């Protein structure tokens, strides 16, 4: 599913125009981004999952084409941990598919 399909699905399920559903989705994504860029960098959605940030230390790596050693800078990363409700829904759906 891509963003256009997601917007169409949200619009249909909530009796909204696609334009309104698109604005709602954009606002949601902006809020998630704004929350993760704050110092605490964590957003929990019970039953769905948790978005958080983490730090990756600087390290050395190797260029696979030349074999040259390179320095990889420290970085802040975004992590997502699926909640129990999401995990259960995915497991249930996959079990139903494999029984066919």
N, C-alpha and C. Protein backbone atom coordinates (compact mmCIF):
# COMPACT_ATOMS: atom_id res chain seq x y z
N UNK A 1 0.86 -1.17 0.00
CA UNK A 1 0.00 0.00 0.00
C UNK A 1 0.90 1.23 0.00
N UNK A 2 0.55 2.20 -0.82
CA UNK A 2 1.30 3.46 -0.84
C UNK A 2 0.46 4.56 -0.20
N UNK A 3 1.00 5.76 -0.15
CA UNK A 3 0.31 6.87 0.53
C UNK A 3 -1.03 7.18 -0.12
N UNK A 4 -1.11 7.18 -1.42
CA UNK A 4 -2.37 7.47 -2.12
C UNK A 4 -3.44 6.45 -1.76
N UNK A 5 -3.06 5.19 -1.73
CA UNK A 5 -4.01 4.13 -1.37
C UNK A 5 -4.43 4.25 0.10
N UNK A 6 -3.50 4.62 0.96
CA UNK A 6 -3.81 4.81 2.38
C UNK A 6 -4.80 5.95 2.56
N UNK A 7 -4.58 7.05 1.87
CA UNK A 7 -5.50 8.19 1.95
C UNK A 7 -6.89 7.78 1.47
N UNK A 8 -6.97 7.05 0.36
CA UNK A 8 -8.27 6.59 -0.16
C UNK A 8 -8.97 5.68 0.85
N UNK A 9 -8.23 4.81 1.51
CA UNK A 9 -8.80 3.91 2.50
C UNK A 9 -9.32 4.68 3.72
N UNK A 10 -8.53 5.64 4.20
CA UNK A 10 -8.95 6.47 5.34
C UNK A 10 -10.21 7.24 4.97
N UNK A 11 -10.23 7.83 3.78
CA UNK A 11 -11.39 8.61 3.33
C UNK A 11 -12.64 7.74 3.28
N UNK A 12 -12.52 6.56 2.71
CA UNK A 12 -13.67 5.67 2.58
C UNK A 12 -14.20 5.21 3.94
N UNK A 13 -13.30 4.81 4.83
CA UNK A 13 -13.71 4.29 6.13
C UNK A 13 -14.30 5.35 7.04
N UNK A 14 -13.98 6.62 6.80
CA UNK A 14 -14.43 7.69 7.68
C UNK A 14 -15.36 8.68 7.00
N UNK A 15 -15.84 8.35 5.82
CA UNK A 15 -16.75 9.22 5.06
C UNK A 15 -16.17 10.64 4.91
N UNK A 16 -14.92 10.71 4.51
CA UNK A 16 -14.22 11.98 4.30
C UNK A 16 -13.85 12.12 2.84
N UNK A 17 -13.58 13.35 2.44
CA UNK A 17 -13.02 13.55 1.11
C UNK A 17 -11.56 13.11 1.15
N UNK A 18 -11.03 12.78 -0.02
CA UNK A 18 -9.62 12.39 -0.08
C UNK A 18 -8.72 13.54 0.34
N UNK A 19 -9.12 14.78 0.04
CA UNK A 19 -8.33 15.95 0.43
C UNK A 19 -8.25 16.08 1.95
N UNK A 20 -9.38 15.89 2.61
CA UNK A 20 -9.40 15.97 4.08
C UNK A 20 -8.61 14.82 4.69
N UNK A 21 -8.79 13.62 4.17
CA UNK A 21 -8.05 12.47 4.67
C UNK A 21 -6.54 12.67 4.48
N UNK A 22 -6.15 13.27 3.36
CA UNK A 22 -4.74 13.55 3.09
C UNK A 22 -4.18 14.54 4.10
N UNK A 23 -4.96 15.57 4.43
CA UNK A 23 -4.52 16.55 5.42
C UNK A 23 -4.37 15.91 6.79
N UNK A 24 -5.32 15.04 7.15
CA UNK A 24 -5.26 14.35 8.44
C UNK A 24 -4.00 13.48 8.50
N UNK A 25 -3.74 12.72 7.45
CA UNK A 25 -2.55 11.87 7.42
C UNK A 25 -1.28 12.70 7.49
N UNK A 26 -1.21 13.77 6.71
CA UNK A 26 -0.03 14.64 6.74
C UNK A 26 0.19 15.23 8.13
N UNK A 27 -0.90 15.65 8.80
CA UNK A 27 -0.78 16.19 10.15
C UNK A 27 -0.31 15.14 11.14
N UNK A 28 -0.80 13.91 10.98
CA UNK A 28 -0.36 12.82 11.85
C UNK A 28 1.13 12.57 11.68
N UNK A 29 1.58 12.47 10.45
CA UNK A 29 3.00 12.22 10.18
C UNK A 29 3.87 13.37 10.69
N UNK A 30 3.39 14.60 10.54
CA UNK A 30 4.12 15.77 11.03
C UNK A 30 4.22 15.74 12.55
N UNK A 31 3.14 15.35 13.22
CA UNK A 31 3.15 15.26 14.67
C UNK A 31 4.12 14.19 15.15
N UNK A 32 4.15 13.04 14.48
CA UNK A 32 5.10 11.99 14.83
C UNK A 32 6.52 12.51 14.67
N UNK A 33 6.80 13.17 13.55
CA UNK A 33 8.13 13.71 13.29
C UNK A 33 8.51 14.75 14.33
N UNK A 34 7.59 15.67 14.64
CA UNK A 34 7.88 16.71 15.64
C UNK A 34 8.16 16.09 17.01
N UNK A 35 7.40 15.07 17.37
CA UNK A 35 7.61 14.41 18.66
C UNK A 35 8.97 13.74 18.73
N UNK A 36 9.36 13.08 17.65
CA UNK A 36 10.65 12.38 17.64
C UNK A 36 11.83 13.33 17.61
N UNK A 37 11.64 14.55 17.13
CA UNK A 37 12.76 15.50 17.10
C UNK A 37 12.94 16.23 18.42
N UNK A 38 11.98 16.10 19.33
CA UNK A 38 12.15 16.68 20.67
C UNK A 38 13.17 15.87 21.45
N UNK A 39 13.58 16.42 22.57
CA UNK A 39 14.63 15.79 23.35
C UNK A 39 14.28 14.37 23.80
N UNK A 40 13.03 14.14 24.27
CA UNK A 40 12.65 12.81 24.75
C UNK A 40 12.49 11.82 23.60
N UNK A 41 12.06 12.29 22.44
CA UNK A 41 12.00 11.48 21.22
C UNK A 41 11.26 10.17 21.33
N UNK A 42 10.04 10.18 21.90
CA UNK A 42 9.30 8.93 22.04
C UNK A 42 7.82 9.20 21.88
N UNK A 43 7.14 8.31 21.13
CA UNK A 43 5.70 8.40 20.93
C UNK A 43 5.12 7.00 21.05
N UNK A 44 4.25 6.81 22.05
CA UNK A 44 3.64 5.50 22.28
C UNK A 44 2.18 5.51 21.85
N UNK A 45 1.80 4.51 21.08
CA UNK A 45 0.42 4.30 20.68
C UNK A 45 0.02 2.92 21.18
N UNK A 46 -0.60 2.84 22.37
CA UNK A 46 -0.92 1.54 22.97
C UNK A 46 -1.67 0.63 21.99
N UNK A 47 -1.25 -0.61 21.93
CA UNK A 47 -1.86 -1.58 21.05
C UNK A 47 -1.28 -1.57 19.64
N UNK A 48 -0.62 -0.47 19.26
CA UNK A 48 -0.02 -0.37 17.93
C UNK A 48 1.49 -0.47 18.01
N UNK A 49 2.12 0.42 18.79
CA UNK A 49 3.57 0.37 18.91
C UNK A 49 4.15 1.66 19.43
N UNK A 50 5.47 1.71 19.47
CA UNK A 50 6.19 2.86 19.98
C UNK A 50 7.25 3.29 18.99
N UNK A 51 7.22 4.57 18.65
CA UNK A 51 8.29 5.19 17.86
C UNK A 51 9.25 5.82 18.86
N UNK A 52 10.54 5.65 18.65
CA UNK A 52 11.53 6.26 19.54
C UNK A 52 12.80 6.54 18.76
N UNK A 53 13.68 7.29 19.41
CA UNK A 53 14.97 7.58 18.80
C UNK A 53 16.06 6.90 19.61
N UNK A 54 17.16 6.63 18.96
CA UNK A 54 18.30 6.02 19.62
C UNK A 54 19.57 6.59 19.02
N UNK A 55 20.66 6.41 19.74
CA UNK A 55 21.95 6.92 19.26
C UNK A 55 22.81 5.76 18.80
N UNK A 56 23.43 5.96 17.64
CA UNK A 56 24.38 4.97 17.12
C UNK A 56 25.76 5.60 17.20
N UNK A 57 26.68 4.95 17.85
CA UNK A 57 28.02 5.49 18.05
C UNK A 57 28.80 5.53 16.73
N UNK A 58 29.78 6.40 16.69
CA UNK A 58 30.67 6.46 15.53
C UNK A 58 31.45 5.14 15.45
N UNK A 59 31.76 4.75 14.24
CA UNK A 59 32.48 3.49 14.07
C UNK A 59 33.27 3.52 12.77
N UNK A 60 34.11 2.53 12.59
CA UNK A 60 34.84 2.43 11.33
C UNK A 60 34.18 1.34 10.50
N UNK A 61 34.20 1.55 9.20
CA UNK A 61 33.63 0.58 8.28
C UNK A 61 34.58 0.36 7.13
N UNK A 62 34.13 -0.38 6.14
CA UNK A 62 34.97 -0.67 5.00
C UNK A 62 34.17 -0.46 3.73
N UNK A 63 34.76 0.25 2.78
CA UNK A 63 34.13 0.44 1.47
C UNK A 63 34.18 -0.91 0.76
N UNK A 64 33.03 -1.48 0.41
CA UNK A 64 33.04 -2.82 -0.20
C UNK A 64 33.68 -2.86 -1.58
N UNK A 65 33.71 -1.73 -2.29
CA UNK A 65 34.29 -1.73 -3.63
C UNK A 65 35.82 -1.65 -3.60
N UNK A 66 36.34 -0.83 -2.67
CA UNK A 66 37.79 -0.62 -2.66
C UNK A 66 38.49 -1.29 -1.49
N UNK A 67 37.72 -1.67 -0.45
CA UNK A 67 38.32 -2.26 0.74
C UNK A 67 38.90 -1.21 1.67
N UNK A 68 38.80 0.07 1.30
CA UNK A 68 39.35 1.16 2.09
C UNK A 68 38.57 1.32 3.39
N UNK A 69 39.28 1.56 4.50
CA UNK A 69 38.65 1.81 5.79
C UNK A 69 38.09 3.23 5.79
N UNK A 70 36.85 3.36 6.26
CA UNK A 70 36.22 4.68 6.32
C UNK A 70 35.65 4.90 7.72
N UNK A 71 35.50 6.16 8.07
CA UNK A 71 34.89 6.51 9.35
C UNK A 71 33.41 6.78 9.12
N UNK A 72 32.58 6.16 9.93
CA UNK A 72 31.14 6.37 9.86
C UNK A 72 30.76 7.20 11.08
N UNK A 73 30.15 8.35 10.84
CA UNK A 73 29.83 9.29 11.92
C UNK A 73 28.73 8.74 12.83
N UNK A 74 28.71 9.25 14.05
CA UNK A 74 27.63 8.92 14.98
C UNK A 74 26.32 9.45 14.39
N UNK A 75 25.22 8.81 14.73
CA UNK A 75 23.93 9.21 14.17
C UNK A 75 22.81 8.96 15.17
N UNK A 76 21.75 9.71 15.01
CA UNK A 76 20.51 9.47 15.75
C UNK A 76 19.61 8.70 14.81
N UNK A 77 19.06 7.59 15.28
CA UNK A 77 18.23 6.74 14.45
C UNK A 77 16.79 6.72 14.97
N UNK A 78 15.87 6.34 14.11
CA UNK A 78 14.47 6.19 14.48
C UNK A 78 14.18 4.69 14.59
N UNK A 79 13.51 4.32 15.67
CA UNK A 79 13.17 2.91 15.89
C UNK A 79 11.66 2.79 16.04
N UNK A 80 11.13 1.65 15.66
CA UNK A 80 9.72 1.34 15.88
C UNK A 80 9.63 -0.03 16.52
N UNK A 81 8.91 -0.11 17.61
CA UNK A 81 8.69 -1.38 18.28
C UNK A 81 7.19 -1.67 18.23
N UNK A 82 6.82 -2.75 17.58
CA UNK A 82 5.41 -3.10 17.43
C UNK A 82 4.80 -3.47 18.77
N UNK A 83 3.57 -3.02 19.01
CA UNK A 83 2.84 -3.35 20.23
C UNK A 83 2.19 -4.71 20.14
N UNK A 84 1.71 -5.18 21.28
CA UNK A 84 1.12 -6.51 21.35
C UNK A 84 -0.08 -6.65 20.42
N UNK A 85 -0.93 -5.64 20.35
CA UNK A 85 -2.12 -5.71 19.50
C UNK A 85 -1.76 -5.86 18.04
N UNK A 86 -0.76 -5.11 17.57
CA UNK A 86 -0.33 -5.20 16.18
C UNK A 86 0.31 -6.56 15.90
N UNK A 87 1.14 -7.02 16.81
CA UNK A 87 1.78 -8.33 16.63
C UNK A 87 0.73 -9.45 16.53
N UNK A 88 -0.26 -9.40 17.42
CA UNK A 88 -1.30 -10.41 17.42
C UNK A 88 -2.11 -10.38 16.12
N UNK A 89 -2.45 -9.18 15.65
CA UNK A 89 -3.22 -9.05 14.42
C UNK A 89 -2.46 -9.62 13.23
N UNK A 90 -1.16 -9.34 13.16
CA UNK A 90 -0.34 -9.85 12.05
C UNK A 90 -0.23 -11.37 12.14
N UNK A 91 -0.01 -11.89 13.34
CA UNK A 91 0.08 -13.34 13.51
C UNK A 91 -1.22 -14.03 13.13
N UNK A 92 -2.35 -13.47 13.57
CA UNK A 92 -3.65 -14.06 13.27
C UNK A 92 -3.90 -14.08 11.77
N UNK A 93 -3.57 -12.98 11.09
CA UNK A 93 -3.77 -12.88 9.64
C UNK A 93 -2.89 -13.88 8.90
N UNK A 94 -1.63 -13.99 9.34
CA UNK A 94 -0.71 -14.93 8.68
C UNK A 94 -1.08 -16.38 8.91
N UNK A 95 -1.61 -16.69 10.10
CA UNK A 95 -2.06 -18.08 10.36
C UNK A 95 -3.23 -18.42 9.47
N UNK A 96 -4.14 -17.46 9.27
CA UNK A 96 -5.30 -17.69 8.41
C UNK A 96 -4.86 -17.94 6.97
N UNK A 97 -3.82 -17.23 6.51
CA UNK A 97 -3.33 -17.41 5.15
C UNK A 97 -2.68 -18.77 4.96
N UNK A 98 -1.96 -19.25 5.97
CA UNK A 98 -1.25 -20.52 5.82
C UNK A 98 -2.18 -21.72 5.93
N UNK A 99 -3.36 -21.56 6.52
CA UNK A 99 -4.31 -22.66 6.63
C UNK A 99 -5.02 -22.95 5.32
N UNK A 100 -5.03 -21.99 4.38
CA UNK A 100 -5.74 -22.15 3.11
C UNK A 100 -5.10 -23.18 2.22
